[in-house]
Amino acid sequence: MEEKNPIQVSERIFRTIECMAQNGPIGLLDLSKELSLNKTTVHRILNSLICMDYVKQDPDTLKYSLTFKICSISNQILSQNTMIDIARPYLHELAEQTGEIVHLVQLIETEAVYIDKVEATRNTVRLVSMVGKMIPLYCSGVGKAMLADMPDEKIDLIWKNSKIRKLTDYTITDYQVFRETIEQIRRNGYALDNEENEIGVRCVAVSLKNLSGKSTYAISVSAPKDRMSDERILQLTELILQTKNKIQQEYLF
């Protein structure tokens, strides 16, 4: 009997979960096409996930979707992150001061993941960010803020291991221009995202150091570009730098 590769089996299971998370409720045929796997294999994977309560099937549409068990696991992981608990009251304060959305992210290899988000109550415009979403470092304010605190050789390595692509007309894909931007962030102490990751959105961001002194977290203030003039960004910069100091004083000491 042919033995199945356990790594391949695991890889297929996680690809299935990730695909369903991106697409929402989906039928067997469409899911098979998305995964480039035959229906029998995908059906077997789905049955396994159903048995473990990670997937459910709608009896009317016959489409499959993820259960909230995934969310339960992610919430358990987030609950163990002390930075979230420490930063949250300061993020709320910053959101109230600015009237804009505030994010906390954590460094994960060549990307950053949103681990907390505070919506301001004064503005009704909502951005598409969500806790758990991954964003590239090279084209985000939070990512560039953390990169600027790293040694040059580390920045080179992350750039080489990133899938550099032009997400908007403003995304920096030239490495020399990118390095010049990093040097400017080092001088200023904060980073900007000028519609580089999402068209129509600007943000200002700063890095946060962990207990070992490495910048593995960052916070940002984001808003539609019509509320983010250069003059207002300078005002927001003062507030976000004050917030950075408050968080780090509590987290590091």
C-alpha atoms as a PDB file:
ATOM      1  CA  MET A   1       0.000   0.000   0.000  1.00  0.00           C
ATOM      2  CA  GLU A   2       1.291   3.465  -0.922  1.00  0.00           C
ATOM      3  CA  GLU A   3       2.037   5.583   2.145  1.00  0.00           C
ATOM      4  CA  LYS A   4       0.711   9.116   2.182  1.00  0.00           C
ATOM      5  CA  ASN A   5       3.151  11.939   2.770  1.00  0.00           C
ATOM      6  CA  PRO A   6       2.087  13.429   6.143  1.00  0.00           C
ATOM      7  CA  ILE A   7       3.530  16.809   5.188  1.00  0.00           C
ATOM      8  CA  GLN A   8       1.514  16.848   1.961  1.00  0.00           C
ATOM      9  CA  VAL A   9      -1.651  15.887   3.828  1.00  0.00           C
ATOM     10  CA  SER A  10      -1.142  18.680   6.378  1.00  0.00           C
ATOM     11  CA  GLU A  11      -0.334  21.176   3.646  1.00  0.00           C
ATOM     12  CA  ARG A  12      -3.562  20.332   1.811  1.00  0.00           C
ATOM     13  CA  ILE A  13      -5.626  20.657   4.979  1.00  0.00           C
ATOM     14  CA  PHE A  14      -4.255  24.093   5.781  1.00  0.00           C
ATOM     15  CA  ARG A  15      -4.558  25.244   2.164  1.00  0.00           C
ATOM     16  CA  THR A  16      -8.207  24.203   2.296  1.00  0.00           C
ATOM     17  CA  ILE A  17      -8.788  26.189   5.496  1.00  0.00           C
ATOM     18  CA  GLU A  18      -7.032  29.266   4.104  1.00  0.00           C
ATOM     19  CA  CYS A  19      -8.966  29.059   0.836  1.00  0.00           C
ATOM     20  CA  MET A  20     -12.286  28.821   2.637  1.00  0.00           C
ATOM     21  CA  ALA A  21     -11.365  31.736   4.881  1.00  0.00           C
ATOM     22  CA  GLN A  22     -10.691  33.878   1.799  1.00  0.00           C
ATOM     23  CA  ASN A  23     -13.748  32.826  -0.227  1.00  0.00           C
ATOM     24  CA  GLY A  24     -16.486  32.213   2.334  1.00  0.00           C
ATOM     25  CA  PRO A  25     -19.164  29.564   1.700  1.00  0.00           C
ATOM     26  CA  ILE A  26     -18.109  27.493  -1.298  1.00  0.00           C
ATOM     27  CA  GLY A  27     -19.211  24.375  -3.156  1.00  0.00           C
ATOM     28  CA  LEU A  28     -17.140  21.248  -3.592  1.00  0.00           C
ATOM     29  CA  LEU A  29     -16.463  21.795  -7.308  1.00  0.00           C
ATOM     30  CA  ASP A  30     -15.386  25.421  -6.893  1.00  0.00           C
ATOM     31  CA  LEU A  31     -13.181  24.537  -3.949  1.00  0.00           C
ATOM     32  CA  SER A  32     -11.557  21.735  -5.946  1.00  0.00           C
ATOM     33  CA  LYS A  33     -10.771  24.206  -8.742  1.00  0.00           C
ATOM     34  CA  GLU A  34      -9.342  26.761  -6.302  1.00  0.00           C
ATOM     35  CA  LEU A  35      -7.066  24.128  -4.740  1.00  0.00           C
ATOM     36  CA  SER A  36      -6.245  22.352  -8.032  1.00  0.00           C
ATOM     37  CA  LEU A  37      -7.164  19.040  -6.402  1.00  0.00           C
ATOM     38  CA  ASN A  38      -9.620  16.381  -7.491  1.00  0.00           C
ATOM     39  CA  LYS A  39     -13.075  16.312  -5.905  1.00  0.00           C
ATOM     40  CA  THR A  40     -12.493  13.032  -4.102  1.00  0.00           C
ATOM     41  CA  THR A  41      -9.438  14.399  -2.287  1.00  0.00           C
ATOM     42  CA  VAL A  42     -11.161  17.655  -1.340  1.00  0.00           C
ATOM     43  CA  HIS A  43     -14.277  15.803  -0.184  1.00  0.00           C
ATOM     44  CA  ARG A  44     -12.122  13.639   2.076  1.00  0.00           C
ATOM     45  CA  ILE A  45     -10.424  16.707   3.544  1.00  0.00           C
ATOM     46  CA  LEU A  46     -13.776  18.413   4.141  1.00  0.00           C
ATOM     47  CA  ASN A  47     -15.198  15.358   5.873  1.00  0.00           C
ATOM     48  CA  SER A  48     -12.187  15.285   8.195  1.00  0.00           C
ATOM     49  CA  LEU A  49     -12.602  18.977   9.013  1.00  0.00           C
ATOM     50  CA  ILE A  50     -16.329  18.479   9.621  1.00  0.00           C
ATOM     51  CA  CYS A  51     -15.568  15.652  12.065  1.00  0.00           C
ATOM     52  CA  MET A  52     -13.222  18.012  13.942  1.00  0.00           C
ATOM     53  CA  ASP A  53     -15.847  20.826  13.926  1.00  0.00           C
ATOM     54  CA  TYR A  54     -13.740  23.173  11.802  1.00  0.00           C
ATOM     55  CA  VAL A  55     -16.111  23.061   8.823  1.00  0.00           C
ATOM     56  CA  LYS A  56     -19.877  22.850   8.398  1.00  0.00           C
ATOM     57  CA  GLN A  57     -22.088  22.215   5.363  1.00  0.00           C
ATOM     58  CA  ASP A  58     -25.298  24.086   4.637  1.00  0.00           C
ATOM     59  CA  PRO A  59     -28.021  21.453   4.072  1.00  0.00           C
ATOM     60  CA  ASP A  60     -29.861  23.712   1.590  1.00  0.00           C
ATOM     61  CA  THR A  61     -27.048  25.080  -0.597  1.00  0.00           C
ATOM     62  CA  LEU A  62     -24.632  22.186   0.105  1.00  0.00           C
ATOM     63  CA  LYS A  63     -21.872  24.771   0.377  1.00  0.00           C
ATOM     64  CA  TYR A  64     -19.102  24.420   2.944  1.00  0.00           C
ATOM     65  CA  SER A  65     -17.868  27.110   5.327  1.00  0.00           C
ATOM     66  CA  LEU A  66     -15.590  27.397   8.335  1.00  0.00           C
ATOM     67  CA  THR A  67     -17.008  27.322  11.842  1.00  0.00           C
ATOM     68  CA  PHE A  68     -16.058  29.716  14.627  1.00  0.00           C
ATOM     69  CA  LYS A  69     -13.663  27.156  16.083  1.00  0.00           C
ATOM     70  CA  ILE A  70     -10.864  28.863  14.126  1.00  0.00           C
ATOM     71  CA  CYS A  71     -11.799  32.168  15.772  1.00  0.00           C
ATOM     72  CA  SER A  72     -11.734  30.508  19.179  1.00  0.00           C
ATOM     73  CA  ILE A  73      -8.166  29.337  18.603  1.00  0.00           C
ATOM     74  CA  SER A  74      -7.028  32.750  17.360  1.00  0.00           C
ATOM     75  CA  ASN A  75      -8.637  34.440  20.377  1.00  0.00           C
ATOM     76  CA  GLN A  76      -6.744  32.103  22.695  1.00  0.00           C
ATOM     77  CA  ILE A  77      -3.473  33.042  20.965  1.00  0.00           C
ATOM     78  CA  LEU A  78      -4.248  36.750  21.176  1.00  0.00           C
ATOM     79  CA  SER A  79      -5.191  36.452  24.851  1.00  0.00           C
ATOM     80  CA  GLN A  80      -1.649  35.290  25.576  1.00  0.00           C
ATOM     81  CA  ASN A  81      -0.101  38.401  24.026  1.00  0.00           C
ATOM     82  CA  THR A  82       0.570  40.809  26.894  1.00  0.00           C
ATOM     83  CA  MET A  83       1.337  43.660  24.486  1.00  0.00           C
ATOM     84  CA  ILE A  84      -2.331  43.739  23.497  1.00  0.00           C
ATOM     85  CA  ASP A  85      -3.462  44.175  27.107  1.00  0.00           C
ATOM     86  CA  ILE A  86      -0.847  46.827  27.804  1.00  0.00           C
ATOM     87  CA  ALA A  87      -1.404  48.796  24.605  1.00  0.00           C
ATOM     88  CA  ARG A  88      -5.205  48.682  24.410  1.00  0.00           C
ATOM     89  CA  PRO A  89      -6.061  51.581  26.765  1.00  0.00           C
ATOM     90  CA  TYR A  90      -3.501  53.757  24.989  1.00  0.00           C
ATOM     91  CA  LEU A  91      -4.907  52.766  21.593  1.00  0.00           C
ATOM     92  CA  HIS A  92      -8.378  53.798  22.765  1.00  0.00           C
ATOM     93  CA  GLU A  93      -6.975  57.097  24.004  1.00  0.00           C
ATOM     94  CA  LEU A  94      -5.223  57.696  20.669  1.00  0.00           C
ATOM     95  CA  ALA A  95      -8.386  56.851  18.713  1.00  0.00           C
ATOM     96  CA  GLU A  96     -10.348  59.368  20.783  1.00  0.00           C
ATOM     97  CA  GLN A  97      -7.661  62.043  20.390  1.00  0.00           C
ATOM     98  CA  THR A  98      -7.440  61.643  16.620  1.00  0.00           C
ATOM     99  CA  GLY A  99     -10.948  60.538  15.704  1.00  0.00           C
ATOM    100  CA  GLU A 100      -9.392  57.896  13.448  1.00  0.00           C
ATOM    101  CA  ILE A 101      -8.836  54.147  13.405  1.00  0.00           C
ATOM    102  CA  VAL A 102      -5.820  52.832  15.323  1.00  0.00           C
ATOM    103  CA  HIS A 103      -4.065  49.500  14.713  1.00  0.00           C
ATOM    104  CA  LEU A 104      -1.598  47.346  16.621  1.00  0.00           C
ATOM    105  CA  VAL A 105       0.408  44.858  14.563  1.00  0.00           C
ATOM    106  CA  GLN A 106       2.991  42.184  15.257  1.00  0.00           C
ATOM    107  CA  LEU A 107       5.936  41.178  13.066  1.00  0.00           C
ATOM    108  CA  ILE A 108       5.655  37.727  11.464  1.00  0.00           C
ATOM    109  CA  GLU A 109       8.671  37.070   9.188  1.00  0.00           C
ATOM    110  CA  THR A 110       8.147  39.233   6.043  1.00  0.00           C
ATOM    111  CA  GLU A 111       4.668  40.431   7.037  1.00  0.00           C
ATOM    112  CA  ALA A 112       2.783  42.119   9.828  1.00  0.00           C
ATOM    113  CA  VAL A 113      -0.450  40.800  11.318  1.00  0.00           C
ATOM    114  CA  TYR A 114      -3.154  42.985  12.823  1.00  0.00           C
ATOM    115  CA  ILE A 115      -3.549  41.882  16.449  1.00  0.00           C
ATOM    116  CA  ASP A 116      -5.755  44.715  17.693  1.00  0.00           C
ATOM    117  CA  LYS A 117      -7.882  47.467  16.198  1.00  0.00           C
ATOM    118  CA  VAL A 118      -9.762  50.387  17.738  1.00  0.00           C
ATOM    119  CA  GLU A 119     -12.437  52.236  15.772  1.00  0.00           C
ATOM    120  CA  ALA A 120     -13.011  55.894  16.545  1.00  0.00           C
ATOM    121  CA  THR A 121     -16.598  56.815  17.396  1.00  0.00           C
ATOM    122  CA  ARG A 122     -16.617  60.216  15.678  1.00  0.00           C
ATOM    123  CA  ASN A 123     -16.122  59.072  12.076  1.00  0.00           C
ATOM    124  CA  THR A 124     -18.416  56.724  10.187  1.00  0.00           C
ATOM    125  CA  VAL A 125     -15.985  55.731   7.409  1.00  0.00           C
ATOM    126  CA  ARG A 126     -14.747  52.162   7.962  1.00  0.00           C
ATOM    127  CA  LEU A 127     -11.552  50.681   6.531  1.00  0.00           C
ATOM    128  CA  VAL A 128     -11.183  47.085   5.357  1.00  0.00           C
ATOM    129  CA  SER A 129      -8.576  46.087   7.949  1.00  0.00           C
ATOM    130  CA  MET A 130      -9.390  43.289  10.388  1.00  0.00           C
ATOM    131  CA  VAL A 131      -7.666  41.506  13.251  1.00  0.00           C
ATOM    132  CA  GLY A 132      -5.751  38.528  11.882  1.00  0.00           C
ATOM    133  CA  LYS A 133      -5.158  40.031   8.445  1.00  0.00           C
ATOM    134  CA  MET A 134      -1.577  39.904   7.160  1.00  0.00           C
ATOM    135  CA  ILE A 135       0.033  42.820   5.305  1.00  0.00           C
ATOM    136  CA  PRO A 136       3.475  43.080   3.649  1.00  0.00           C
ATOM    137  CA  LEU A 137       6.202  44.997   5.463  1.00  0.00           C
ATOM    138  CA  TYR A 138       7.673  46.762   2.423  1.00  0.00           C
ATOM    139  CA  CYS A 139       4.526  48.699   1.489  1.00  0.00           C
ATOM    140  CA  SER A 140       2.858  49.431   4.842  1.00  0.00           C
ATOM    141  CA  GLY A 141       3.502  52.148   7.378  1.00  0.00           C
ATOM    142  CA  VAL A 142       3.704  49.708  10.280  1.00  0.00           C
ATOM    143  CA  GLY A 143       5.978  47.405   8.293  1.00  0.00           C
ATOM    144  CA  LYS A 144       8.401  50.129   7.300  1.00  0.00           C
ATOM    145  CA  ALA A 145       8.448  51.466  10.867  1.00  0.00           C
ATOM    146  CA  MET A 146       9.639  48.070  12.141  1.00  0.00           C
ATOM    147  CA  LEU A 147      12.067  47.594   9.243  1.00  0.00           C
ATOM    148  CA  ALA A 148      13.740  50.926   9.984  1.00  0.00           C
ATOM    149  CA  ASP A 149      14.811  49.591  13.400  1.00  0.00           C
ATOM    150  CA  MET A 150      16.496  46.533  11.877  1.00  0.00           C
ATOM    151  CA  PRO A 151      20.111  46.170  10.686  1.00  0.00           C
ATOM    152  CA  ASP A 152      20.616  46.793   6.965  1.00  0.00           C
ATOM    153  CA  GLU A 153      21.447  43.147   6.256  1.00  0.00           C
ATOM    154  CA  LYS A 154      18.144  42.066   7.860  1.00  0.00           C
ATOM    155  CA  ILE A 155      16.248  44.555   5.710  1.00  0.00           C
ATOM    156  CA  ASP A 156      18.004  43.191   2.602  1.00  0.00           C
ATOM    157  CA  LEU A 157      17.005  39.643   3.528  1.00  0.00           C
ATOM    158  CA  ILE A 158      13.354  40.538   4.136  1.00  0.00           C
ATOM    159  CA  TRP A 159      13.182  42.408   0.820  1.00  0.00           C
ATOM    160  CA  LYS A 160      14.635  39.415  -1.051  1.00  0.00           C
ATOM    161  CA  ASN A 161      12.176  37.034   0.635  1.00  0.00           C
ATOM    162  CA  SER A 162       9.132  39.247   0.005  1.00  0.00           C
ATOM    163  CA  LYS A 163       6.859  39.044  -3.023  1.00  0.00           C
ATOM    164  CA  ILE A 164       7.433  42.585  -4.228  1.00  0.00           C
ATOM    165  CA  ARG A 165       4.532  43.761  -6.360  1.00  0.00           C
ATOM    166  CA  LYS A 166       2.788  47.011  -7.115  1.00  0.00           C
ATOM    167  CA  LEU A 167      -0.415  46.955  -5.065  1.00  0.00           C
ATOM    168  CA  THR A 168      -1.262  50.543  -6.068  1.00  0.00           C
ATOM    169  CA  ASP A 169       0.283  53.192  -8.298  1.00  0.00           C
ATOM    170  CA  TYR A 170       2.108  54.479  -5.215  1.00  0.00           C
ATOM    171  CA  THR A 171       3.692  51.202  -4.053  1.00  0.00           C
ATOM    172  CA  ILE A 172       7.492  51.417  -3.920  1.00  0.00           C
ATOM    173  CA  THR A 173       8.998  48.505  -5.837  1.00  0.00           C
ATOM    174  CA  ASP A 174      12.437  49.972  -6.570  1.00  0.00           C
ATOM    175  CA  TYR A 175      14.881  48.824  -3.879  1.00  0.00           C
ATOM    176  CA  GLN A 176      17.034  51.974  -3.956  1.00  0.00           C
ATOM    177  CA  VAL A 177      13.984  54.190  -3.448  1.00  0.00           C
ATOM    178  CA  PHE A 178      12.810  51.847  -0.695  1.00  0.00           C
ATOM    179  CA  ARG A 179      16.147  52.115   1.147  1.00  0.00           C
ATOM    180  CA  GLU A 180      16.051  55.903   0.869  1.00  0.00           C
ATOM    181  CA  THR A 181      12.590  55.786   2.436  1.00  0.00           C
ATOM    182  CA  ILE A 182      13.909  53.641   5.303  1.00  0.00           C
ATOM    183  CA  GLU A 183      16.690  56.169   5.962  1.00  0.00           C
ATOM    184  CA  GLN A 184      14.126  58.959   6.088  1.00  0.00           C
ATOM    185  CA  ILE A 185      12.055  56.971   8.610  1.00  0.00           C
ATOM    186  CA  ARG A 186      15.152  56.538  10.757  1.00  0.00           C
ATOM    187  CA  ARG A 187      15.703  60.285  10.746  1.00  0.00           C
ATOM    188  CA  ASN A 188      12.060  61.189  11.430  1.00  0.00           C
ATOM    189  CA  GLY A 189      11.218  58.466  13.936  1.00  0.00           C
ATOM    190  CA  TYR A 190       7.960  57.550  12.186  1.00  0.00           C
ATOM    191  CA  ALA A 191       6.791  55.991   8.911  1.00  0.00           C
ATOM    192  CA  LEU A 192       4.104  56.903   6.397  1.00  0.00           C
ATOM    193  CA  ASP A 193       1.921  54.868   4.098  1.00  0.00           C
ATOM    194  CA  ASN A 194       0.957  57.138   1.214  1.00  0.00           C
ATOM    195  CA  GLU A 195      -1.665  54.937  -0.455  1.00  0.00           C
ATOM    196  CA  GLU A 196       1.005  52.284  -0.986  1.00  0.00           C
ATOM    197  CA  ASN A 197      -1.002  49.370   0.405  1.00  0.00           C
ATOM    198  CA  GLU A 198      -4.563  50.528  -0.223  1.00  0.00           C
ATOM    199  CA  ILE A 199      -5.645  53.276  -2.593  1.00  0.00           C
ATOM    200  CA  GLY A 200      -7.292  56.246  -0.885  1.00  0.00           C
ATOM    201  CA  VAL A 201      -5.825  55.484   2.565  1.00  0.00           C
ATOM    202  CA  ARG A 202      -2.891  57.174   4.290  1.00  0.00           C
ATOM    203  CA  CYS A 203      -1.443  56.346   7.676  1.00  0.00           C
ATOM    204  CA  VAL A 204       1.307  57.290  10.091  1.00  0.00           C
ATOM    205  CA  ALA A 205       3.032  54.555  12.100  1.00  0.00           C
ATOM    206  CA  VAL A 206       5.684  53.974  14.761  1.00  0.00           C
ATOM    207  CA  SER A 207       7.444  50.847  15.955  1.00  0.00           C
ATOM    208  CA  LEU A 208       7.323  49.356  19.471  1.00  0.00           C
ATOM    209  CA  LYS A 209      10.155  47.373  21.012  1.00  0.00           C
ATOM    210  CA  ASN A 210       9.674  44.052  22.812  1.00  0.00           C
ATOM    211  CA  LEU A 211      11.353  43.020  26.057  1.00  0.00           C
ATOM    212  CA  SER A 212      14.574  42.082  24.214  1.00  0.00           C
ATOM    213  CA  GLY A 213      14.763  45.495  22.585  1.00  0.00           C
ATOM    214  CA  LYS A 214      13.703  44.376  19.100  1.00  0.00           C
ATOM    215  CA  SER A 215      10.916  46.133  17.202  1.00  0.00           C
ATOM    216  CA  THR A 216       8.370  43.371  16.738  1.00  0.00           C
ATOM    217  CA  TYR A 217       5.264  45.529  17.155  1.00  0.00           C
ATOM    218  CA  ALA A 218       3.974  48.751  15.636  1.00  0.00           C
ATOM    219  CA  ILE A 219       0.959  51.041  15.903  1.00  0.00           C
ATOM    220  CA  SER A 220      -0.653  53.231  13.270  1.00  0.00           C
ATOM    221  CA  VAL A 221      -3.322  55.842  12.736  1.00  0.00           C
ATOM    222  CA  SER A 222      -5.122  55.383   9.413  1.00  0.00           C
ATOM    223  CA  ALA A 223      -7.735  57.435   7.570  1.00  0.00           C
ATOM    224  CA  PRO A 224      -9.052  58.267   4.101  1.00  0.00           C
ATOM    225  CA  LYS A 225      -6.629  60.570   2.298  1.00  0.00           C
ATOM    226  CA  ASP A 226      -9.075  63.507   2.306  1.00  0.00           C
ATOM    227  CA  ARG A 227      -8.660  63.659   6.097  1.00  0.00           C
ATOM    228  CA  MET A 228      -4.888  63.106   5.998  1.00  0.00           C
ATOM    229  CA  SER A 229      -3.258  66.241   4.673  1.00  0.00           C
ATOM    230  CA  ASP A 230       0.480  66.673   5.260  1.00  0.00           C
ATOM    231  CA  GLU A 231      -0.310  69.253   7.957  1.00  0.00           C
ATOM    232  CA  ARG A 232      -2.640  66.863   9.791  1.00  0.00           C
ATOM    233  CA  ILE A 233      -0.140  64.015   9.544  1.00  0.00           C
ATOM    234  CA  LEU A 234       2.367  66.175  11.412  1.00  0.00           C
ATOM    235  CA  GLN A 235      -0.229  66.722  14.158  1.00  0.00           C
ATOM    236  CA  LEU A 236      -0.964  62.989  14.320  1.00  0.00           C
ATOM    237  CA  THR A 237       2.750  62.231  14.455  1.00  0.00           C
ATOM    238  CA  GLU A 238       3.096  64.100  17.756  1.00  0.00           C
ATOM    239  CA  LEU A 239       0.215  62.142  19.260  1.00  0.00           C
ATOM    240  CA  ILE A 240       1.361  58.724  18.057  1.00  0.00           C
ATOM    241  CA  LEU A 241       4.922  59.338  19.293  1.00  0.00           C
ATOM    242  CA  GLN A 242       3.518  60.260  22.715  1.00  0.00           C
ATOM    243  CA  THR A 243       1.497  57.032  22.678  1.00  0.00           C
ATOM    244  CA  LYS A 244       4.605  55.035  21.737  1.00  0.00           C
ATOM    245  CA  ASN A 245       6.485  56.432  24.731  1.00  0.00           C
ATOM    246  CA  LYS A 246       3.630  55.622  27.118  1.00  0.00           C
ATOM    247  CA  ILE A 247       3.315  52.035  25.885  1.00  0.00           C
ATOM    248  CA  GLN A 248       7.040  51.332  25.948  1.00  0.00           C
ATOM    249  CA  GLN A 249       7.499  52.791  29.416  1.00  0.00           C
ATOM    250  CA  GLU A 250       4.908  50.369  30.736  1.00  0.00           C
ATOM    251  CA  TYR A 251       5.895  47.362  28.588  1.00  0.00           C
ATOM    252  CA  LEU A 252       9.673  47.588  29.029  1.00  0.00           C
ATOM    253  CA  PHE A 253       9.777  48.619  32.669  1.00  0.00           C
END
